[in-house]
Amino acid sequence: MAAPSTSSSSTINIMLAIFEKKTTSVDLYHPLRNYIAFNYSEREAQNLEDDLQTLKQYRSDLERQPDPTPTSRRDLLQNYFKALCLVKTSLPNLSGQGPHQHHHVHVERRV
């Protein structure tokens, strides 16, 4: 008969550190508005002014809350994502252009 294994008595606990993602301050309003005015028209930029202001406000809300509850954080992120999608769908040729166009919108949506 084989001797009992001693490995179960010498178990090592390993703990991994997983760092929380932090939100950094980013000005999306001015670059997006300038992009829309330059590539579409100033009128289109004016038409999207409210949506861009909403996007700016949601981003600011995300940055200001130091330790929100999980449900509060989820609601803020959902509203921010909806505002990003609204801006994207408001621009006619946004999805029909090259993969590196509109990088900032796609990067923000992955967060």
PDB file of N, CA and C in Angstrom:
ATOM      1  N   MET A   1       0.820  -1.168   0.000  1.00  0.00           N
ATOM      2  CA  MET A   1       0.000   0.000   0.000  1.00  0.00           C
ATOM      3  C   MET A   1       0.879   1.252   0.000  1.00  0.00           C
ATOM      4  N   ALA A   2       0.511   2.265  -0.735  1.00  0.00           N
ATOM      5  CA  ALA A   2       1.304   3.490  -0.834  1.00  0.00           C
ATOM      6  C   ALA A   2       1.068   4.365   0.382  1.00  0.00           C
ATOM      7  N   ALA A   3       2.085   5.145   0.720  1.00  0.00           N
ATOM      8  CA  ALA A   3       1.973   6.049   1.867  1.00  0.00           C
ATOM      9  C   ALA A   3       1.069   7.216   1.504  1.00  0.00           C
ATOM     10  N   PRO A   4       0.296   7.748   2.458  1.00  0.00           N
ATOM     11  CA  PRO A   4      -0.588   8.884   2.162  1.00  0.00           C
ATOM     12  C   PRO A   4       0.225  10.114   1.757  1.00  0.00           C
ATOM     13  N   SER A   5      -0.318  10.869   0.848  1.00  0.00           N
ATOM     14  CA  SER A   5       0.355  12.064   0.325  1.00  0.00           C
ATOM     15  C   SER A   5       0.347  13.171   1.370  1.00  0.00           C
ATOM     16  N   THR A   6       1.415  13.883   1.481  1.00  0.00           N
ATOM     17  CA  THR A   6       1.515  14.984   2.441  1.00  0.00           C
ATOM     18  C   THR A   6       1.212  16.336   1.791  1.00  0.00           C
ATOM     19  N   SER A   7       0.924  16.335   0.495  1.00  0.00           N
ATOM     20  CA  SER A   7       0.699  17.608  -0.193  1.00  0.00           C
ATOM     21  C   SER A   7      -0.561  18.300   0.297  1.00  0.00           C
ATOM     22  N   SER A   8      -1.573  17.565   0.725  1.00  0.00           N
ATOM     23  CA  SER A   8      -2.800  18.197   1.191  1.00  0.00           C
ATOM     24  C   SER A   8      -2.587  18.916   2.519  1.00  0.00           C
ATOM     25  N   SER A   9      -1.618  18.484   3.300  1.00  0.00           N
ATOM     26  CA  SER A   9      -1.369  19.133   4.586  1.00  0.00           C
ATOM     27  C   SER A   9      -0.496  20.378   4.447  1.00  0.00           C
ATOM     28  N   SER A  10       0.172  20.540   3.335  1.00  0.00           N
ATOM     29  CA  SER A  10       1.033  21.710   3.150  1.00  0.00           C
ATOM     30  C   SER A  10       0.490  22.613   2.040  1.00  0.00           C
ATOM     31  N   THR A  11      -0.787  22.964   2.114  1.00  0.00           N
ATOM     32  CA  THR A  11      -1.428  23.823   1.117  1.00  0.00           C
ATOM     33  C   THR A  11      -0.935  25.257   1.271  1.00  0.00           C
ATOM     34  N   ILE A  12      -0.627  25.879   0.160  1.00  0.00           N
ATOM     35  CA  ILE A  12      -0.162  27.264   0.155  1.00  0.00           C
ATOM     36  C   ILE A  12      -1.275  28.129  -0.410  1.00  0.00           C
ATOM     37  N   ASN A  13      -1.630  29.178   0.307  1.00  0.00           N
ATOM     38  CA  ASN A  13      -2.635  30.123  -0.163  1.00  0.00           C
ATOM     39  C   ASN A  13      -1.942  31.247  -0.912  1.00  0.00           C
ATOM     40  N   ILE A  14      -2.345  31.443  -2.132  1.00  0.00           N
ATOM     41  CA  ILE A  14      -1.775  32.514  -2.943  1.00  0.00           C
ATOM     42  C   ILE A  14      -2.879  33.524  -3.217  1.00  0.00           C
ATOM     43  N   MET A  15      -2.602  34.783  -2.939  1.00  0.00           N
ATOM     44  CA  MET A  15      -3.581  35.825  -3.181  1.00  0.00           C
ATOM     45  C   MET A  15      -3.049  36.735  -4.285  1.00  0.00           C
ATOM     46  N   LEU A  16      -3.861  36.979  -5.274  1.00  0.00           N
ATOM     47  CA  LEU A  16      -3.484  37.850  -6.378  1.00  0.00           C
ATOM     48  C   LEU A  16      -4.053  39.242  -6.152  1.00  0.00           C
ATOM     49  N   ALA A  17      -3.295  40.245  -6.476  1.00  0.00           N
ATOM     50  CA  ALA A  17      -3.779  41.618  -6.390  1.00  0.00           C
ATOM     51  C   ALA A  17      -4.403  41.995  -7.724  1.00  0.00           C
ATOM     52  N   ILE A  18      -5.634  42.413  -7.682  1.00  0.00           N
ATOM     53  CA  ILE A  18      -6.331  42.883  -8.881  1.00  0.00           C
ATOM     54  C   ILE A  18      -6.682  44.337  -8.628  1.00  0.00           C
ATOM     55  N   PHE A  19      -6.069  45.201  -9.398  1.00  0.00           N
ATOM     56  CA  PHE A  19      -6.260  46.617  -9.192  1.00  0.00           C
ATOM     57  C   PHE A  19      -7.518  47.095  -9.903  1.00  0.00           C
ATOM     58  N   GLU A  20      -8.250  47.959  -9.234  1.00  0.00           N
ATOM     59  CA  GLU A  20      -9.481  48.512  -9.785  1.00  0.00           C
ATOM     60  C   GLU A  20      -9.156  49.511 -10.893  1.00  0.00           C
ATOM     61  N   LYS A  21      -9.975  49.499 -11.936  1.00  0.00           N
ATOM     62  CA  LYS A  21      -9.820  50.488 -12.996  1.00  0.00           C
ATOM     63  C   LYS A  21     -10.229  51.849 -12.470  1.00  0.00           C
ATOM     64  N   LYS A  22      -9.449  52.839 -12.780  1.00  0.00           N
ATOM     65  CA  LYS A  22      -9.752  54.196 -12.331  1.00  0.00           C
ATOM     66  C   LYS A  22     -10.171  55.042 -13.526  1.00  0.00           C
ATOM     67  N   THR A  23     -11.123  55.913 -13.291  1.00  0.00           N
ATOM     68  CA  THR A  23     -11.578  56.835 -14.315  1.00  0.00           C
ATOM     69  C   THR A  23     -10.708  58.077 -14.267  1.00  0.00           C
ATOM     70  N   THR A  24     -10.153  58.429 -15.407  1.00  0.00           N
ATOM     71  CA  THR A  24      -9.348  59.644 -15.475  1.00  0.00           C
ATOM     72  C   THR A  24     -10.125  60.723 -16.207  1.00  0.00           C
ATOM     73  N   SER A  25      -9.818  61.929 -15.914  1.00  0.00           N
ATOM     74  CA  SER A  25     -10.509  63.063 -16.510  1.00  0.00           C
ATOM     75  C   SER A  25     -10.128  63.199 -17.983  1.00  0.00           C
ATOM     76  N   VAL A  26     -11.140  63.229 -18.838  1.00  0.00           N
ATOM     77  CA  VAL A  26     -10.928  63.358 -20.277  1.00  0.00           C
ATOM     78  C   VAL A  26     -11.953  64.343 -20.824  1.00  0.00           C
ATOM     79  N   ASP A  27     -11.484  65.292 -21.599  1.00  0.00           N
ATOM     80  CA  ASP A  27     -12.386  66.239 -22.240  1.00  0.00           C
ATOM     81  C   ASP A  27     -12.815  65.660 -23.583  1.00  0.00           C
ATOM     82  N   LEU A  28     -14.029  65.150 -23.651  1.00  0.00           N
ATOM     83  CA  LEU A  28     -14.553  64.636 -24.912  1.00  0.00           C
ATOM     84  C   LEU A  28     -15.336  65.693 -25.678  1.00  0.00           C
ATOM     85  N   TYR A  29     -15.907  66.632 -24.953  1.00  0.00           N
ATOM     86  CA  TYR A  29     -16.797  67.610 -25.567  1.00  0.00           C
ATOM     87  C   TYR A  29     -16.113  68.402 -26.680  1.00  0.00           C
ATOM     88  N   HIS A  30     -15.020  69.079 -26.369  1.00  0.00           N
ATOM     89  CA  HIS A  30     -14.373  69.959 -27.362  1.00  0.00           C
ATOM     90  C   HIS A  30     -13.821  69.194 -28.566  1.00  0.00           C
ATOM     91  N   PRO A  31     -13.090  68.100 -28.360  1.00  0.00           N
ATOM     92  CA  PRO A  31     -12.605  67.364 -29.535  1.00  0.00           C
ATOM     93  C   PRO A  31     -13.738  66.813 -30.414  1.00  0.00           C
ATOM     94  N   LEU A  32     -14.794  66.296 -29.791  1.00  0.00           N
ATOM     95  CA  LEU A  32     -15.920  65.772 -30.586  1.00  0.00           C
ATOM     96  C   LEU A  32     -16.645  66.881 -31.327  1.00  0.00           C
ATOM     97  N   ARG A  33     -16.876  67.997 -30.644  1.00  0.00           N
ATOM     98  CA  ARG A  33     -17.586  69.104 -31.292  1.00  0.00           C
ATOM     99  C   ARG A  33     -16.762  69.663 -32.458  1.00  0.00           C
ATOM    100  N   ASN A  34     -15.454  69.818 -32.229  1.00  0.00           N
ATOM    101  CA  ASN A  34     -14.590  70.305 -33.306  1.00  0.00           C
ATOM    102  C   ASN A  34     -14.545  69.323 -34.471  1.00  0.00           C
ATOM    103  N   TYR A  35     -14.501  68.052 -34.175  1.00  0.00           N
ATOM    104  CA  TYR A  35     -14.495  67.026 -35.219  1.00  0.00           C
ATOM    105  C   TYR A  35     -15.778  67.092 -36.047  1.00  0.00           C
ATOM    106  N   ILE A  36     -16.912  67.200 -35.370  1.00  0.00           N
ATOM    107  CA  ILE A  36     -18.203  67.251 -36.068  1.00  0.00           C
ATOM    108  C   ILE A  36     -18.288  68.511 -36.923  1.00  0.00           C
ATOM    109  N   ALA A  37     -17.883  69.646 -36.371  1.00  0.00           N
ATOM    110  CA  ALA A  37     -17.931  70.906 -37.126  1.00  0.00           C
ATOM    111  C   ALA A  37     -17.005  70.853 -38.335  1.00  0.00           C
ATOM    112  N   PHE A  38     -15.831  70.248 -38.188  1.00  0.00           N
ATOM    113  CA  PHE A  38     -14.864  70.189 -39.277  1.00  0.00           C
ATOM    114  C   PHE A  38     -15.268  69.188 -40.363  1.00  0.00           C
ATOM    115  N   ASN A  39     -15.705  67.989 -39.953  1.00  0.00           N
ATOM    116  CA  ASN A  39     -15.991  66.927 -40.921  1.00  0.00           C
ATOM    117  C   ASN A  39     -17.430  66.895 -41.422  1.00  0.00           C
ATOM    118  N   TYR A  40     -18.344  67.499 -40.703  1.00  0.00           N
ATOM    119  CA  TYR A  40     -19.742  67.535 -41.140  1.00  0.00           C
ATOM    120  C   TYR A  40     -20.118  68.983 -41.437  1.00  0.00           C
ATOM    121  N   SER A  41     -20.502  69.717 -40.408  1.00  0.00           N
ATOM    122  CA  SER A  41     -20.792  71.143 -40.572  1.00  0.00           C
ATOM    123  C   SER A  41     -20.999  71.765 -39.198  1.00  0.00           C
ATOM    124  N   GLU A  42     -20.929  73.080 -39.155  1.00  0.00           N
ATOM    125  CA  GLU A  42     -21.180  73.782 -37.890  1.00  0.00           C
ATOM    126  C   GLU A  42     -22.642  73.591 -37.476  1.00  0.00           C
ATOM    127  N   ARG A  43     -23.510  73.525 -38.447  1.00  0.00           N
ATOM    128  CA  ARG A  43     -24.929  73.299 -38.137  1.00  0.00           C
ATOM    129  C   ARG A  43     -25.134  71.930 -37.482  1.00  0.00           C
ATOM    130  N   GLU A  44     -24.459  70.906 -38.001  1.00  0.00           N
ATOM    131  CA  GLU A  44     -24.553  69.565 -37.403  1.00  0.00           C
ATOM    132  C   GLU A  44     -24.008  69.590 -35.972  1.00  0.00           C
ATOM    133  N   ALA A  45     -22.924  70.322 -35.757  1.00  0.00           N
ATOM    134  CA  ALA A  45     -22.357  70.445 -34.412  1.00  0.00           C
ATOM    135  C   ALA A  45     -23.348  71.140 -33.473  1.00  0.00           C
ATOM    136  N   GLN A  46     -24.038  72.154 -33.988  1.00  0.00           N
ATOM    137  CA  GLN A  46     -25.037  72.842 -33.178  1.00  0.00           C
ATOM    138  C   GLN A  46     -26.228  71.925 -32.883  1.00  0.00           C
ATOM    139  N   ASN A  47     -26.612  71.107 -33.863  1.00  0.00           N
ATOM    140  CA  ASN A  47     -27.719  70.172 -33.658  1.00  0.00           C
ATOM    141  C   ASN A  47     -27.392  69.129 -32.589  1.00  0.00           C
ATOM    142  N   LEU A  48     -26.125  68.770 -32.483  1.00  0.00           N
ATOM    143  CA  LEU A  48     -25.699  67.766 -31.510  1.00  0.00           C
ATOM    144  C   LEU A  48     -25.243  68.373 -30.184  1.00  0.00           C
ATOM    145  N   GLU A  49     -25.375  69.671 -30.056  1.00  0.00           N
ATOM    146  CA  GLU A  49     -24.903  70.366 -28.854  1.00  0.00           C
ATOM    147  C   GLU A  49     -25.491  69.770 -27.573  1.00  0.00           C
ATOM    148  N   ASP A  50     -26.796  69.547 -27.534  1.00  0.00           N
ATOM    149  CA  ASP A  50     -27.425  68.991 -26.329  1.00  0.00           C
ATOM    150  C   ASP A  50     -26.898  67.595 -26.011  1.00  0.00           C
ATOM    151  N   ASP A  51     -26.744  66.762 -27.045  1.00  0.00           N
ATOM    152  CA  ASP A  51     -26.231  65.405 -26.835  1.00  0.00           C
ATOM    153  C   ASP A  51     -24.788  65.428 -26.327  1.00  0.00           C
ATOM    154  N   LEU A  52     -23.988  66.345 -26.870  1.00  0.00           N
ATOM    155  CA  LEU A  52     -22.599  66.455 -26.426  1.00  0.00           C
ATOM    156  C   LEU A  52     -22.512  66.974 -24.988  1.00  0.00           C
ATOM    157  N   GLN A  53     -23.402  67.900 -24.634  1.00  0.00           N
ATOM    158  CA  GLN A  53     -23.441  68.404 -23.258  1.00  0.00           C
ATOM    159  C   GLN A  53     -23.859  67.299 -22.287  1.00  0.00           C
ATOM    160  N   THR A  54     -24.821  66.472 -22.712  1.00  0.00           N
ATOM    161  CA  THR A  54     -25.258  65.343 -21.882  1.00  0.00           C
ATOM    162  C   THR A  54     -24.113  64.359 -21.690  1.00  0.00           C
ATOM    163  N   LEU A  55     -23.414  64.060 -22.766  1.00  0.00           N
ATOM    164  CA  LEU A  55     -22.252  63.168 -22.699  1.00  0.00           C
ATOM    165  C   LEU A  55     -21.198  63.730 -21.735  1.00  0.00           C
ATOM    166  N   LYS A  56     -20.951  65.015 -21.841  1.00  0.00           N
ATOM    167  CA  LYS A  56     -19.985  65.684 -20.961  1.00  0.00           C
ATOM    168  C   LYS A  56     -20.426  65.588 -19.501  1.00  0.00           C
ATOM    169  N   GLN A  57     -21.723  65.779 -19.258  1.00  0.00           N
ATOM    170  CA  GLN A  57     -22.243  65.722 -17.885  1.00  0.00           C
ATOM    171  C   GLN A  57     -22.123  64.317 -17.300  1.00  0.00           C
ATOM    172  N   TYR A  58     -22.478  63.289 -18.076  1.00  0.00           N
ATOM    173  CA  TYR A  58     -22.360  61.916 -17.593  1.00  0.00           C
ATOM    174  C   TYR A  58     -20.901  61.551 -17.312  1.00  0.00           C
ATOM    175  N   ARG A  59     -20.013  61.994 -18.166  1.00  0.00           N
ATOM    176  CA  ARG A  59     -18.584  61.722 -17.952  1.00  0.00           C
ATOM    177  C   ARG A  59     -18.114  62.405 -16.663  1.00  0.00           C
ATOM    178  N   SER A  60     -18.553  63.615 -16.458  1.00  0.00           N
ATOM    179  CA  SER A  60     -18.206  64.358 -15.248  1.00  0.00           C
ATOM    180  C   SER A  60     -18.762  63.656 -14.010  1.00  0.00           C
ATOM    181  N   ASP A  61     -19.981  63.144 -14.096  1.00  0.00           N
ATOM    182  CA  ASP A  61     -20.580  62.412 -12.974  1.00  0.00           C
ATOM    183  C   ASP A  61     -19.759  61.171 -12.635  1.00  0.00           C
ATOM    184  N   LEU A  62     -19.287  60.477 -13.652  1.00  0.00           N
ATOM    185  CA  LEU A  62     -18.460  59.289 -13.428  1.00  0.00           C
ATOM    186  C   LEU A  62     -17.143  59.652 -12.752  1.00  0.00           C
ATOM    187  N   GLU A  63     -16.571  60.759 -13.157  1.00  0.00           N
ATOM    188  CA  GLU A  63     -15.279  61.179 -12.608  1.00  0.00           C
ATOM    189  C   GLU A  63     -15.396  61.677 -11.174  1.00  0.00           C
ATOM    190  N   ARG A  64     -16.518  62.302 -10.833  1.00  0.00           N
ATOM    191  CA  ARG A  64     -16.669  62.923  -9.515  1.00  0.00           C
ATOM    192  C   ARG A  64     -17.006  61.942  -8.407  1.00  0.00           C
ATOM    193  N   GLN A  65     -17.699  60.869  -8.698  1.00  0.00           N
ATOM    194  CA  GLN A  65     -18.117  59.947  -7.642  1.00  0.00           C
ATOM    195  C   GLN A  65     -16.958  59.063  -7.203  1.00  0.00           C
ATOM    196  N   PRO A  66     -16.431  59.301  -5.997  1.00  0.00           N
ATOM    197  CA  PRO A  66     -15.262  58.537  -5.557  1.00  0.00           C
ATOM    198  C   PRO A  66     -15.573  57.063  -5.270  1.00  0.00           C
ATOM    199  N   ASP A  67     -16.642  56.784  -4.554  1.00  0.00           N
ATOM    200  CA  ASP A  67     -16.974  55.410  -4.203  1.00  0.00           C
ATOM    201  C   ASP A  67     -18.477  55.185  -4.284  1.00  0.00           C
ATOM    202  N   PRO A  68     -19.032  55.139  -5.481  1.00  0.00           N
ATOM    203  CA  PRO A  68     -20.481  54.938  -5.573  1.00  0.00           C
ATOM    204  C   PRO A  68     -20.846  53.486  -5.272  1.00  0.00           C
ATOM    205  N   THR A  69     -22.094  53.289  -4.949  1.00  0.00           N
ATOM    206  CA  THR A  69     -22.565  51.920  -4.755  1.00  0.00           C
ATOM    207  C   THR A  69     -22.532  51.216  -6.106  1.00  0.00           C
ATOM    208  N   PRO A  70     -22.474  49.893  -6.116  1.00  0.00           N
ATOM    209  CA  PRO A  70     -22.437  49.175  -7.403  1.00  0.00           C
ATOM    210  C   PRO A  70     -23.628  49.503  -8.307  1.00  0.00           C
ATOM    211  N   THR A  71     -24.821  49.647  -7.747  1.00  0.00           N
ATOM    212  CA  THR A  71     -25.985  49.961  -8.591  1.00  0.00           C
ATOM    213  C   THR A  71     -25.917  51.385  -9.121  1.00  0.00           C
ATOM    214  N   SER A  72     -25.426  52.297  -8.300  1.00  0.00           N
ATOM    215  CA  SER A  72     -25.272  53.679  -8.750  1.00  0.00           C
ATOM    216  C   SER A  72     -24.231  53.761  -9.864  1.00  0.00           C
ATOM    217  N   ARG A  73     -23.131  53.068  -9.685  1.00  0.00           N
ATOM    218  CA  ARG A  73     -22.064  53.041 -10.709  1.00  0.00           C
ATOM    219  C   ARG A  73     -22.585  52.444 -12.010  1.00  0.00           C
ATOM    220  N   ARG A  74     -23.342  51.348 -11.885  1.00  0.00           N
ATOM    221  CA  ARG A  74     -23.914  50.703 -13.064  1.00  0.00           C
ATOM    222  C   ARG A  74     -24.832  51.671 -13.813  1.00  0.00           C
ATOM    223  N   ASP A  75     -25.690  52.382 -13.080  1.00  0.00           N
ATOM    224  CA  ASP A  75     -26.614  53.328 -13.710  1.00  0.00           C
ATOM    225  C   ASP A  75     -25.864  54.448 -14.419  1.00  0.00           C
ATOM    226  N   LEU A  76     -24.812  54.956 -13.780  1.00  0.00           N
ATOM    227  CA  LEU A  76     -24.005  56.009 -14.407  1.00  0.00           C
ATOM    228  C   LEU A  76     -23.349  55.506 -15.693  1.00  0.00           C
ATOM    229  N   LEU A  77     -22.783  54.296 -15.637  1.00  0.00           N
ATOM    230  CA  LEU A  77     -22.131  53.734 -16.822  1.00  0.00           C
ATOM    231  C   LEU A  77     -23.132  53.463 -17.940  1.00  0.00           C
ATOM    232  N   GLN A  78     -24.315  52.989 -17.600  1.00  0.00           N
ATOM    233  CA  GLN A  78     -25.338  52.741 -18.622  1.00  0.00           C
ATOM    234  C   GLN A  78     -25.773  54.041 -19.287  1.00  0.00           C
ATOM    235  N   ASN A  79     -25.980  55.083 -18.494  1.00  0.00           N
ATOM    236  CA  ASN A  79     -26.363  56.379 -19.068  1.00  0.00           C
ATOM    237  C   ASN A  79     -25.259  56.937 -19.959  1.00  0.00           C
ATOM    238  N   TYR A  80     -24.021  56.791 -19.519  1.00  0.00           N
ATOM    239  CA  TYR A  80     -22.882  57.268 -20.305  1.00  0.00           C
ATOM    240  C   TYR A  80     -22.785  56.505 -21.626  1.00  0.00           C
ATOM    241  N   PHE A  81     -22.955  55.197 -21.571  1.00  0.00           N
ATOM    242  CA  PHE A  81     -22.910  54.376 -22.779  1.00  0.00           C
ATOM    243  C   PHE A  81     -24.035  54.759 -23.746  1.00  0.00           C
ATOM    244  N   LYS A  82     -25.228  54.983 -23.231  1.00  0.00           N
ATOM    245  CA  LYS A  82     -26.360  55.395 -24.076  1.00  0.00           C
ATOM    246  C   LYS A  82     -26.067  56.732 -24.755  1.00  0.00           C
ATOM    247  N   ALA A  83     -25.460  57.660 -24.010  1.00  0.00           N
ATOM    248  CA  ALA A  83     -25.123  58.969 -24.588  1.00  0.00           C
ATOM    249  C   ALA A  83     -24.075  58.817 -25.687  1.00  0.00           C
ATOM    250  N   LEU A  84     -23.088  57.934 -25.490  1.00  0.00           N
ATOM    251  CA  LEU A  84     -22.095  57.670 -26.538  1.00  0.00           C
ATOM    252  C   LEU A  84     -22.756  57.089 -27.782  1.00  0.00           C
ATOM    253  N   CYS A  85     -23.661  56.148 -27.582  1.00  0.00           N
ATOM    254  CA  CYS A  85     -24.365  55.528 -28.720  1.00  0.00           C
ATOM    255  C   CYS A  85     -25.217  56.548 -29.452  1.00  0.00           C
ATOM    256  N   LEU A  86     -25.853  57.457 -28.715  1.00  0.00           N
ATOM    257  CA  LEU A  86     -26.688  58.474 -29.335  1.00  0.00           C
ATOM    258  C   LEU A  86     -25.861  59.390 -30.228  1.00  0.00           C
ATOM    259  N   VAL A  87     -24.700  59.796 -29.756  1.00  0.00           N
ATOM    260  CA  VAL A  87     -23.817  60.645 -30.571  1.00  0.00           C
ATOM    261  C   VAL A  87     -23.379  59.880 -31.815  1.00  0.00           C
ATOM    262  N   LYS A  88     -23.024  58.616 -31.632  1.00  0.00           N
ATOM    263  CA  LYS A  88     -22.565  57.805 -32.766  1.00  0.00           C
ATOM    264  C   LYS A  88     -23.653  57.659 -33.830  1.00  0.00           C
ATOM    265  N   THR A  89     -24.867  57.348 -33.407  1.00  0.00           N
ATOM    266  CA  THR A  89     -25.948  57.147 -34.381  1.00  0.00           C
ATOM    267  C   THR A  89     -26.427  58.454 -35.001  1.00  0.00           C
ATOM    268  N   SER A  90     -26.117  59.567 -34.384  1.00  0.00           N
ATOM    269  CA  SER A  90     -26.528  60.867 -34.931  1.00  0.00           C
ATOM    270  C   SER A  90     -25.672  61.315 -36.107  1.00  0.00           C
ATOM    271  N   LEU A  91     -24.503  60.706 -36.265  1.00  0.00           N
ATOM    272  CA  LEU A  91     -23.606  61.084 -37.356  1.00  0.00           C
ATOM    273  C   LEU A  91     -23.798  60.110 -38.510  1.00  0.00           C
ATOM    274  N   PRO A  92     -24.128  60.604 -39.696  1.00  0.00           N
ATOM    275  CA  PRO A  92     -24.532  59.746 -40.809  1.00  0.00           C
ATOM    276  C   PRO A  92     -23.525  58.700 -41.269  1.00  0.00           C
ATOM    277  N   ASN A  93     -22.259  59.030 -41.432  1.00  0.00           N
ATOM    278  CA  ASN A  93     -21.294  58.098 -42.013  1.00  0.00           C
ATOM    279  C   ASN A  93     -20.332  57.521 -40.989  1.00  0.00           C
ATOM    280  N   LEU A  94     -20.704  57.525 -39.746  1.00  0.00           N
ATOM    281  CA  LEU A  94     -19.769  57.124 -38.695  1.00  0.00           C
ATOM    282  C   LEU A  94     -19.340  55.673 -38.819  1.00  0.00           C
ATOM    283  N   SER A  95     -20.261  54.767 -39.039  1.00  0.00           N
ATOM    284  CA  SER A  95     -19.887  53.356 -39.093  1.00  0.00           C
ATOM    285  C   SER A  95     -19.379  52.939 -40.469  1.00  0.00           C
ATOM    286  N   GLY A  96     -19.546  53.769 -41.481  1.00  0.00           N
ATOM    287  CA  GLY A  96     -19.110  53.400 -42.819  1.00  0.00           C
ATOM    288  C   GLY A  96     -17.678  53.776 -43.138  1.00  0.00           C
ATOM    289  N   GLN A  97     -16.970  54.367 -42.184  1.00  0.00           N
ATOM    290  CA  GLN A  97     -15.602  54.800 -42.450  1.00  0.00           C
ATOM    291  C   GLN A  97     -14.603  53.787 -41.924  1.00  0.00           C
ATOM    292  N   GLY A  98     -13.339  54.053 -42.120  1.00  0.00           N
ATOM    293  CA  GLY A  98     -12.264  53.131 -41.762  1.00  0.00           C
ATOM    294  C   GLY A  98     -12.222  52.798 -40.281  1.00  0.00           C
ATOM    295  N   PRO A  99     -11.507  51.737 -39.924  1.00  0.00           N
ATOM    296  CA  PRO A  99     -11.482  51.269 -38.541  1.00  0.00           C
ATOM    297  C   PRO A  99     -10.804  52.218 -37.567  1.00  0.00           C
ATOM    298  N   HIS A 100      -9.936  53.098 -38.046  1.00  0.00           N
ATOM    299  CA  HIS A 100      -9.236  54.006 -37.133  1.00  0.00           C
ATOM    300  C   HIS A 100      -9.922  55.348 -37.027  1.00  0.00           C
ATOM    301  N   GLN A 101     -10.960  55.538 -37.800  1.00  0.00           N
ATOM    302  CA  GLN A 101     -11.745  56.756 -37.674  1.00  0.00           C
ATOM    303  C   GLN A 101     -12.564  56.663 -36.393  1.00  0.00           C
ATOM    304  N   HIS A 102     -12.803  57.774 -35.737  1.00  0.00           N
ATOM    305  CA  HIS A 102     -13.650  57.841 -34.552  1.00  0.00           C
ATOM    306  C   HIS A 102     -13.134  56.947 -33.426  1.00  0.00           C
ATOM    307  N   HIS A 103     -11.836  56.848 -33.327  1.00  0.00           N
ATOM    308  CA  HIS A 103     -11.206  55.988 -32.320  1.00  0.00           C
ATOM    309  C   HIS A 103     -11.690  56.317 -30.908  1.00  0.00           C
ATOM    310  N   HIS A 104     -11.812  57.600 -30.592  1.00  0.00           N
ATOM    311  CA  HIS A 104     -12.169  58.001 -29.240  1.00  0.00           C
ATOM    312  C   HIS A 104     -13.540  57.495 -28.828  1.00  0.00           C
ATOM    313  N   VAL A 105     -14.522  57.481 -29.721  1.00  0.00           N
ATOM    314  CA  VAL A 105     -15.848  57.003 -29.393  1.00  0.00           C
ATOM    315  C   VAL A 105     -15.820  55.507 -29.123  1.00  0.00           C
ATOM    316  N   HIS A 106     -15.121  54.746 -29.960  1.00  0.00           N
ATOM    317  CA  HIS A 106     -15.075  53.303 -29.799  1.00  0.00           C
ATOM    318  C   HIS A 106     -14.291  52.908 -28.551  1.00  0.00           C
ATOM    319  N   VAL A 107     -13.242  53.619 -28.229  1.00  0.00           N
ATOM    320  CA  VAL A 107     -12.468  53.324 -27.029  1.00  0.00           C
ATOM    321  C   VAL A 107     -13.334  53.570 -25.797  1.00  0.00           C
ATOM    322  N   GLU A 108     -14.052  54.660 -25.774  1.00  0.00           N
ATOM    323  CA  GLU A 108     -14.899  54.971 -24.631  1.00  0.00           C
ATOM    324  C   GLU A 108     -15.997  53.935 -24.457  1.00  0.00           C
ATOM    325  N   ARG A 109     -16.531  53.409 -25.545  1.00  0.00           N
ATOM    326  CA  ARG A 109     -17.611  52.431 -25.449  1.00  0.00           C
ATOM    327  C   ARG A 109     -17.110  51.112 -24.893  1.00  0.00           C
ATOM    328  N   ARG A 110     -15.821  50.808 -25.011  1.00  0.00           N
ATOM    329  CA  ARG A 110     -15.288  49.547 -24.492  1.00  0.00           C
ATOM    330  C   ARG A 110     -15.097  49.574 -22.992  1.00  0.00           C
ATOM    331  N   VAL A 111     -15.125  50.746 -22.397  1.00  0.00           N
ATOM    332  CA  VAL A 111     -14.851  50.850 -20.959  1.00  0.00           C
ATOM    333  C   VAL A 111     -15.971  50.252 -20.156  1.00  0.00           C
TER     334      VAL A 111
END
